[in-house]
């Protein structure tokens, strides 16, 4: 390849060997860079990331108060790499015991403790585990939403899975928020294997091109799957709050209308997506040169740091024309033992301590720990033109769950 480039430039510029070598070097470096970008799937989102450069530079400037909302979306999978029910039970019990200790004395600007949203997989449902999590959430440590790994599905086979899980979570456990006007339960969603709208590498990770339609019809009001980088399911919507449109093509959420102040709060054909921070981390570089990718993951190989927390704000999303309310959606796989320090130990406590130091205790900032439901409600309030402290809008559209013990068998499955 290099020989061909040299011959080409030699024919164009006879005797200009130095110029030929320089040009050849630039071309080779460019080709290698493009290959590296594609290998890490950066080409899937760098375009929108670049388009948001100017708005990122203005975050926190010319604003008397910047409100920072932090939501942790946990792909909570007790059956991870096991079929041992005793191990599943032990994992959930550890969370119930350890999380309150870890979060002791940690509060945001509203006096609210850190909130954890457990996106629980339908295919891993076991009543005792959900009962344990429900009790933890009822004590004020978070909420439960819907996670689903599925494949080779159709609209006809997907709908009953989602309907059934809504019934189980709401009527048996008191989970899920209810619409302020209709009283109907609704839910936030994270797709297993990141493959929303059949955006994965094969139908084995979803199978339903028009998945947004089924989600909406079964009560979903919010998707929090993104970012999925470096997974190939990532789309070119980085650091955005937008509406994904239902259509019959795979990756239908690859483009969408941005949520903006003065827009419509609800739409029968659109699903709100709130994406987490995604970008280049120049404070952390491979070989001292190449920036690492920030994708909002909390994990043992992605520990938190003061610089990273600062970057999350720079990569935060916002409703258009309401730039002072900044949305930071993080994600994790908290049940995995390798991540327990980050999610349940000193690493977790240090993260919240630093969040409070930067965004609760500094003049000009307010920090808000929110669940997925609350983050959606506040986005809707911003869309409707509300101002002031977003704490007032935590229950704006969907009210908080009414946790309960015991079963309501007469309401289950119709």
Protein backbone atom coordinates (compact mmCIF):
# COMPACT_ATOMS: atom_id res chain seq x y z
CA UNK A 1 0.00 0.00 0.00
CA UNK A 2 2.77 2.44 0.99
CA UNK A 3 4.78 1.54 -2.14
CA UNK A 4 1.76 2.36 -4.31
CA UNK A 5 1.36 5.74 -2.62
CA UNK A 6 5.06 6.51 -3.11
CA UNK A 7 4.89 5.60 -6.79
CA UNK A 8 1.80 7.76 -7.23
CA UNK A 9 3.37 10.84 -5.73
CA UNK A 10 6.69 10.23 -7.50
CA UNK A 11 4.88 10.32 -10.83
CA UNK A 12 3.10 13.53 -9.87
CA UNK A 13 6.15 15.27 -8.38
CA UNK A 14 9.35 13.97 -10.02
CA UNK A 15 12.35 14.39 -7.79
CA UNK A 16 10.26 15.58 -4.87
CA UNK A 17 11.12 12.63 -2.65
CA UNK A 18 10.79 14.56 0.61
CA UNK A 19 7.36 15.88 -0.34
CA UNK A 20 6.31 12.41 -1.46
CA UNK A 21 7.32 10.87 1.85
CA UNK A 22 5.54 13.55 3.86
CA UNK A 23 2.35 13.20 1.85
CA UNK A 24 2.53 9.43 2.01
CA UNK A 25 2.98 9.56 5.78
CA UNK A 26 -0.04 11.85 6.18
CA UNK A 27 -2.21 9.57 4.06
CA UNK A 28 -1.11 6.43 5.88
CA UNK A 29 -1.74 8.05 9.27
CA UNK A 30 -5.16 9.16 8.05
CA UNK A 31 -6.03 5.65 6.88
CA UNK A 32 -4.88 4.12 10.16
CA UNK A 33 -6.89 6.70 12.09
CA UNK A 34 -10.02 5.90 10.11
CA UNK A 35 -9.51 2.19 10.75
CA UNK A 36 -9.09 2.86 14.46
CA UNK A 37 -12.26 4.97 14.51
CA UNK A 38 -14.26 2.22 12.86
CA UNK A 39 -12.81 -0.46 15.11
CA UNK A 40 -14.00 1.44 18.18
CA UNK A 41 -17.25 2.36 16.38
CA UNK A 42 -16.56 6.07 16.90
CA UNK A 43 -17.81 6.81 13.40
CA UNK A 44 -21.33 5.98 14.62
CA UNK A 45 -21.54 9.04 16.88
CA UNK A 46 -18.63 11.41 16.36
CA UNK A 47 -20.69 13.49 13.92
CA UNK A 48 -23.34 14.49 16.44
CA UNK A 49 -20.70 14.84 19.14
CA UNK A 50 -18.88 17.37 16.98
CA UNK A 51 -22.12 19.25 16.25
CA UNK A 52 -22.64 19.76 19.97
CA UNK A 53 -19.21 21.32 20.54
CA UNK A 54 -20.38 24.93 20.73
CA UNK A 55 -23.22 24.24 23.16
CA UNK A 56 -20.88 22.30 25.46
CA UNK A 57 -18.60 25.30 25.78
CA UNK A 58 -21.44 27.45 27.12
CA UNK A 59 -22.60 25.11 29.91
CA UNK A 60 -22.72 26.94 33.22
CA UNK A 61 -21.93 30.32 31.66
CA UNK A 62 -24.25 33.32 31.89
CA UNK A 63 -26.59 31.33 34.15
CA UNK A 64 -27.31 32.48 37.71
CA UNK A 65 -28.02 28.86 38.68
CA UNK A 66 -27.16 25.55 37.00
CA UNK A 67 -29.21 22.56 38.15
CA UNK A 68 -27.41 19.23 37.77
CA UNK A 69 -29.63 16.14 37.69
CA UNK A 70 -27.97 12.75 38.22
CA UNK A 71 -29.69 9.44 37.48
CA UNK A 72 -28.07 5.98 37.80
CA UNK A 73 -29.70 3.44 35.47
CA UNK A 74 -28.67 -0.03 36.63
CA UNK A 75 -29.00 -2.97 34.23
CA UNK A 76 -29.73 -5.07 37.30
CA UNK A 77 -29.33 -8.76 36.42
CA UNK A 78 -29.17 -11.12 39.44
CA UNK A 79 -28.84 -14.12 37.10
CA UNK A 80 -25.65 -12.79 35.52
CA UNK A 81 -23.48 -15.79 34.59
CA UNK A 82 -25.37 -18.11 36.96
CA UNK A 83 -28.47 -20.27 37.28
CA UNK A 84 -27.96 -20.75 41.03
CA UNK A 85 -30.99 -19.27 42.78
CA UNK A 86 -29.09 -19.13 46.07
CA UNK A 87 -26.45 -16.89 44.48
CA UNK A 88 -29.15 -14.68 42.93
CA UNK A 89 -30.76 -14.27 46.35
CA UNK A 90 -27.41 -13.53 47.99
CA UNK A 91 -26.69 -10.82 45.43
CA UNK A 92 -29.96 -9.00 46.00
CA UNK A 93 -29.73 -9.33 49.79
CA UNK A 94 -26.25 -7.77 49.65
CA UNK A 95 -27.71 -4.71 47.93
CA UNK A 96 -30.47 -4.40 50.52
CA UNK A 97 -27.94 -4.57 53.34
CA UNK A 98 -25.08 -2.55 51.90
CA UNK A 99 -26.67 0.28 49.91
CA UNK A 100 -28.18 2.10 52.94
CA UNK A 101 -24.79 1.94 54.71
CA UNK A 102 -22.91 3.25 51.69
CA UNK A 103 -25.30 6.15 51.15
CA UNK A 104 -25.53 7.18 54.80
CA UNK A 105 -25.39 10.98 55.12
CA UNK A 106 -25.18 11.56 51.37
CA UNK A 107 -27.84 14.05 50.21
CA UNK A 108 -28.38 16.48 47.35
CA UNK A 109 -29.40 20.14 47.45
CA UNK A 110 -33.01 19.13 48.16
CA UNK A 111 -32.14 16.82 51.07
CA UNK A 112 -32.78 13.74 48.90
CA UNK A 113 -30.41 10.78 49.17
CA UNK A 114 -28.87 9.25 46.00
CA UNK A 115 -31.49 7.42 43.95
CA UNK A 116 -30.87 4.11 42.20
CA UNK A 117 -33.09 2.95 39.33
CA UNK A 118 -33.13 -0.84 39.05
CA UNK A 119 -33.92 -1.84 35.45
CA UNK A 120 -34.89 -5.42 36.20
CA UNK A 121 -35.03 -8.07 33.42
CA UNK A 122 -38.40 -9.66 32.77
CA UNK A 123 -36.77 -12.97 31.87
CA UNK A 124 -35.15 -13.11 35.34
CA UNK A 125 -38.31 -12.47 37.34
CA UNK A 126 -38.51 -14.19 40.72
CA UNK A 127 -41.04 -12.86 43.20
CA UNK A 128 -38.80 -13.02 46.31
CA UNK A 129 -36.09 -10.98 44.59
CA UNK A 130 -38.54 -8.29 43.46
CA UNK A 131 -40.04 -8.23 46.94
CA UNK A 132 -36.59 -7.58 48.41
CA UNK A 133 -35.88 -4.78 45.92
CA UNK A 134 -39.33 -3.28 46.45
CA UNK A 135 -38.68 -3.00 50.17
CA UNK A 136 -35.36 -1.28 49.49
CA UNK A 137 -37.05 1.18 47.14
CA UNK A 138 -39.94 1.77 49.54
CA UNK A 139 -37.34 2.80 52.12
CA UNK A 140 -36.33 5.64 49.78
CA UNK A 141 -33.37 4.27 47.83
CA UNK A 142 -34.76 4.19 44.30
CA UNK A 143 -37.31 2.71 41.95
CA UNK A 144 -37.76 -0.33 39.70
CA UNK A 145 -38.22 -0.13 35.93
CA UNK A 146 -38.21 -2.58 33.01
CA UNK A 147 -35.25 -4.27 31.34
CA UNK A 148 -35.62 -6.97 28.68
CA UNK A 149 -33.27 -9.25 26.77
CA UNK A 150 -35.11 -10.83 23.87
CA UNK A 151 -34.49 -12.07 20.38
CA UNK A 152 -36.17 -13.34 17.20
CA UNK A 153 -39.33 -11.62 18.43
CA UNK A 154 -42.22 -10.08 16.54
CA UNK A 155 -44.72 -7.42 17.56
CA UNK A 156 -47.12 -10.23 18.50
CA UNK A 157 -44.63 -12.03 20.75
CA UNK A 158 -43.08 -8.92 22.32
CA UNK A 159 -46.29 -7.21 23.44
CA UNK A 160 -47.44 -9.92 25.93
CA UNK A 161 -43.99 -10.00 27.57
CA UNK A 162 -44.12 -6.29 28.31
CA UNK A 163 -47.80 -6.34 29.30
CA UNK A 164 -47.17 -9.22 31.71
CA UNK A 165 -44.22 -7.52 33.39
CA UNK A 166 -46.12 -4.25 33.81
CA UNK A 167 -48.87 -6.21 35.57
CA UNK A 168 -46.41 -8.08 37.78
CA UNK A 169 -44.43 -5.03 38.82
CA UNK A 170 -47.38 -2.71 39.37
CA UNK A 171 -50.09 -4.88 40.86
CA UNK A 172 -48.00 -7.39 42.79
CA UNK A 173 -45.19 -5.16 44.00
CA UNK A 174 -46.57 -1.63 43.81
CA UNK A 175 -43.74 -0.61 41.49
CA UNK A 176 -43.96 1.80 38.50
CA UNK A 177 -45.26 5.33 38.49
CA UNK A 178 -48.85 6.14 37.56
CA UNK A 179 -50.06 8.85 35.20
CA UNK A 180 -51.28 11.92 37.07
CA UNK A 181 -54.51 12.15 35.04
CA UNK A 182 -55.38 8.58 34.03
CA UNK A 183 -53.87 6.63 36.91
CA UNK A 184 -52.45 4.09 34.44
CA UNK A 185 -49.03 2.59 35.22
CA UNK A 186 -46.14 3.60 32.99
CA UNK A 187 -42.52 2.59 32.80
CA UNK A 188 -39.02 3.52 31.71
CA UNK A 189 -37.09 1.00 29.62
CA UNK A 190 -33.57 -0.21 28.92
CA UNK A 191 -33.07 -2.73 26.12
CA UNK A 192 -30.91 -5.77 26.75
CA UNK A 193 -27.74 -5.95 24.65
CA UNK A 194 -28.39 -2.31 23.68
CA UNK A 195 -30.41 -3.52 20.66
CA UNK A 196 -33.38 -1.12 20.77
CA UNK A 197 -35.44 -1.22 17.56
CA UNK A 198 -33.46 -4.21 16.27
CA UNK A 199 -30.26 -2.13 16.20
CA UNK A 200 -27.99 -5.00 17.23
CA UNK A 201 -25.82 -7.19 15.08
CA UNK A 202 -28.62 -9.72 14.47
CA UNK A 203 -32.29 -10.50 15.12
CA UNK A 204 -31.12 -12.68 18.02
CA UNK A 205 -30.76 -9.49 20.08
CA UNK A 206 -34.26 -8.12 19.33
CA UNK A 207 -36.04 -8.87 16.05
CA UNK A 208 -38.66 -6.10 16.21
CA UNK A 209 -37.94 -3.15 13.92
CA UNK A 210 -40.96 -1.20 15.15
CA UNK A 211 -40.21 -1.71 18.83
CA UNK A 212 -40.98 1.87 19.85
CA UNK A 213 -44.60 1.32 18.77
CA UNK A 214 -44.94 -1.69 21.10
CA UNK A 215 -43.21 0.11 23.95
CA UNK A 216 -45.61 3.04 23.69
CA UNK A 217 -48.66 0.80 23.46
CA UNK A 218 -47.65 -1.04 26.66
CA UNK A 219 -47.14 2.11 28.72
CA UNK A 220 -43.50 3.04 28.16
CA UNK A 221 -42.81 6.77 28.36
CA UNK A 222 -38.99 6.83 28.40
CA UNK A 223 -36.06 4.89 27.01
CA UNK A 224 -32.62 5.05 28.67
CA UNK A 225 -30.67 2.55 26.56
CA UNK A 226 -28.20 5.08 25.12
CA UNK A 227 -25.31 5.50 25.00
CA UNK A 228 -24.37 2.00 23.91
CA UNK A 229 -20.91 2.83 22.52
CA UNK A 230 -18.68 1.02 21.70
CA UNK A 231 -21.44 -1.45 20.86
CA UNK A 232 -22.50 -1.25 17.16
CA UNK A 233 -26.05 -0.51 18.31
CA UNK A 234 -24.98 3.08 19.04
CA UNK A 235 -26.67 5.73 16.88
CA UNK A 236 -25.68 9.26 15.89
CA UNK A 237 -27.50 10.99 18.74
CA UNK A 238 -24.96 12.00 21.39
CA UNK A 239 -25.82 13.90 24.56
CA UNK A 240 -29.40 14.57 23.50
CA UNK A 241 -32.92 14.44 24.85
CA UNK A 242 -35.10 13.62 21.87
CA UNK A 243 -38.13 11.78 20.56
CA UNK A 244 -37.60 8.52 18.71
CA UNK A 245 -40.14 7.94 15.97
CA UNK A 246 -41.91 4.64 15.43
CA UNK A 247 -41.34 3.18 11.96
CA UNK A 248 -40.81 -0.16 10.26
CA UNK A 249 -37.05 0.18 9.70
CA UNK A 250 -34.34 -1.09 12.07
CA UNK A 251 -32.64 1.59 14.16
CA UNK A 252 -35.69 3.85 13.91
CA UNK A 253 -34.39 5.88 16.84
CA UNK A 254 -31.20 6.84 14.97
CA UNK A 255 -32.72 10.26 14.34
CA UNK A 256 -35.43 12.21 16.06
CA UNK A 257 -36.84 15.57 17.04
CA UNK A 258 -35.09 17.24 19.95
CA UNK A 259 -37.20 17.90 23.03
CA UNK A 260 -37.51 21.67 23.31
CA UNK A 261 -39.18 24.25 25.48
CA UNK A 262 -42.61 25.02 24.09
CA UNK A 263 -42.95 21.63 22.40
CA UNK A 264 -45.57 18.95 22.97
CA UNK A 265 -45.29 17.01 26.24
CA UNK A 266 -46.71 13.77 24.85
CA UNK A 267 -47.15 12.18 21.46
CA UNK A 268 -48.74 8.87 20.56
CA UNK A 269 -46.09 8.12 17.93
CA UNK A 270 -42.95 9.29 19.75
CA UNK A 271 -40.95 7.98 22.69
CA UNK A 272 -38.64 10.21 24.71
CA UNK A 273 -35.01 9.10 24.89
CA UNK A 274 -32.63 10.59 27.44
CA UNK A 275 -29.05 9.71 26.58
CA UNK A 276 -26.08 9.63 28.92
CA UNK A 277 -22.74 11.40 28.51
CA UNK A 278 -20.78 10.30 25.44
CA UNK A 279 -17.58 11.87 24.19
CA UNK A 280 -13.80 11.99 24.22
CA UNK A 281 -11.99 12.16 27.55
CA UNK A 282 -8.81 14.16 26.97
CA UNK A 283 -7.91 13.92 30.65
CA UNK A 284 -7.49 10.16 30.30
CA UNK A 285 -5.40 9.11 27.29
CA UNK A 286 -4.07 5.85 25.94
CA UNK A 287 -0.30 5.93 25.55
CA UNK A 288 -0.50 9.54 26.65
CA UNK A 289 -1.87 10.56 23.25
CA UNK A 290 -5.27 9.15 22.29
CA UNK A 291 -8.30 10.21 24.36
CA UNK A 292 -10.39 7.50 25.92
CA UNK A 293 -14.12 7.29 25.25
CA UNK A 294 -16.45 8.47 28.00
CA UNK A 295 -19.69 6.51 27.78
CA UNK A 296 -21.20 7.12 31.24
CA UNK A 297 -20.48 3.60 32.52
CA UNK A 298 -19.76 2.94 36.18
CA UNK A 299 -17.55 -0.15 36.44
CA UNK A 300 -14.36 -1.48 37.97
CA UNK A 301 -12.42 -0.58 34.82
CA UNK A 302 -14.07 2.85 34.65
CA UNK A 303 -13.63 4.32 38.14
CA UNK A 304 -14.94 7.72 39.02
CA UNK A 305 -12.67 10.75 39.47
CA UNK A 306 -13.12 14.50 39.98
CA UNK A 307 -12.08 15.13 36.37
CA UNK A 308 -14.57 12.58 35.09
CA UNK A 309 -17.41 14.14 37.09
CA UNK A 310 -16.51 17.50 35.58
CA UNK A 311 -16.62 15.92 32.12
CA UNK A 312 -20.08 14.47 32.78
CA UNK A 313 -21.42 18.00 33.12
CA UNK A 314 -19.71 19.07 29.88
CA UNK A 315 -21.35 16.10 28.12
CA UNK A 316 -24.71 16.45 29.83
CA UNK A 317 -27.93 16.79 27.86
CA UNK A 318 -30.64 19.42 28.14
CA UNK A 319 -34.03 20.38 26.77
CA UNK A 320 -33.51 22.92 23.99
CA UNK A 321 -33.92 26.51 25.27
CA UNK A 322 -33.70 25.36 28.90
CA UNK A 323 -29.89 25.08 29.18
CA UNK A 324 -29.67 25.60 32.93
CA UNK A 325 -31.19 22.18 33.73
CA UNK A 326 -28.47 19.61 32.96
CA UNK A 327 -29.28 15.89 32.70
CA UNK A 328 -26.59 13.29 33.54
CA UNK A 329 -27.72 9.69 33.01
CA UNK A 330 -25.15 7.12 34.14
CA UNK A 331 -25.40 3.34 33.75
CA UNK A 332 -23.97 0.25 35.36
CA UNK A 333 -24.34 -3.50 35.83
CA UNK A 334 -24.41 -3.24 39.58
CA UNK A 335 -25.06 -6.86 40.50
CA UNK A 336 -21.70 -8.03 39.13
CA UNK A 337 -19.25 -8.71 41.92
CA UNK A 338 -16.34 -7.10 40.10
CA UNK A 339 -18.17 -3.74 40.27
CA UNK A 340 -19.22 -3.85 43.91
CA UNK A 341 -16.64 -1.32 45.11
CA UNK A 342 -17.84 1.16 42.50
CA UNK A 343 -21.53 0.56 43.22
CA UNK A 344 -21.65 -0.46 46.89
CA UNK A 345 -18.28 0.32 48.46
CA UNK A 346 -15.89 3.19 48.98
CA UNK A 347 -15.79 3.96 45.26
CA UNK A 348 -19.54 4.59 45.30
CA UNK A 349 -19.42 6.78 48.39
CA UNK A 350 -16.47 8.74 47.00
CA UNK A 351 -18.40 9.42 43.78
CA UNK A 352 -21.37 10.91 45.61
CA UNK A 353 -19.10 12.87 47.93
CA UNK A 354 -17.38 14.43 44.92
CA UNK A 355 -20.68 15.12 43.13
CA UNK A 356 -21.83 17.00 46.21
CA UNK A 357 -18.56 18.90 46.49
CA UNK A 358 -18.72 20.07 42.87
CA UNK A 359 -22.45 20.63 42.36
CA UNK A 360 -24.07 20.99 45.77
CA UNK A 361 -21.51 22.97 47.74
CA UNK A 362 -20.30 25.36 45.03
CA UNK A 363 -22.09 28.69 44.46
CA UNK A 364 -24.17 28.74 41.28
CA UNK A 365 -25.01 25.02 41.32
CA UNK A 366 -27.78 22.81 42.69
CA UNK A 367 -27.50 19.02 42.72
CA UNK A 368 -30.51 16.72 42.32
CA UNK A 369 -30.44 12.94 42.72
CA UNK A 370 -33.32 11.58 40.62
CA UNK A 371 -34.81 8.31 39.43
CA UNK A 372 -35.51 7.62 35.75
CA UNK A 373 -39.18 8.55 36.29
CA UNK A 374 -38.25 11.81 37.98
CA UNK A 375 -35.77 12.70 35.26
CA UNK A 376 -38.50 12.19 32.64
CA UNK A 377 -40.95 14.33 34.63
CA UNK A 378 -38.44 17.16 34.89
CA UNK A 379 -37.71 16.97 31.16
CA UNK A 380 -41.45 17.26 30.52
CA UNK A 381 -41.64 20.25 32.86
CA UNK A 382 -38.81 21.94 30.95
CA UNK A 383 -40.61 21.19 27.70
CA UNK A 384 -43.74 22.82 29.09
CA UNK A 385 -41.82 25.98 29.96
CA UNK A 386 -41.53 25.51 33.71
CA UNK A 387 -38.64 27.28 35.45
CA UNK A 388 -37.09 27.54 38.90
CA UNK A 389 -35.97 24.59 40.98
CA UNK A 390 -36.58 21.31 39.09
CA UNK A 391 -37.10 19.58 42.44
CA UNK A 392 -40.69 20.88 42.27
CA UNK A 393 -41.39 18.76 39.18
CA UNK A 394 -40.25 15.28 40.24
CA UNK A 395 -43.87 14.04 39.93
CA UNK A 396 -44.93 16.30 37.07
CA UNK A 397 -46.51 13.69 34.75
CA UNK A 398 -46.02 10.31 36.45
CA UNK A 399 -46.60 10.07 40.19
CA UNK A 400 -44.34 8.05 42.48
CA UNK A 401 -44.99 4.31 42.96
CA UNK A 402 -47.16 3.20 45.85
CA UNK A 403 -45.11 0.36 47.22
CA UNK A 404 -47.02 -2.46 48.84
CA UNK A 405 -46.38 -5.78 50.50
CA UNK A 406 -48.38 -8.86 49.58
CA UNK A 407 -50.00 -9.78 46.32
CA UNK A 408 -53.05 -8.35 44.62
CA UNK A 409 -53.83 -11.58 42.84
CA UNK A 410 -57.21 -10.56 41.51
CA UNK A 411 -55.62 -7.88 39.32
CA UNK A 412 -52.87 -10.03 37.86
CA UNK A 413 -52.91 -11.15 34.22
CA UNK A 414 -56.34 -9.77 33.53
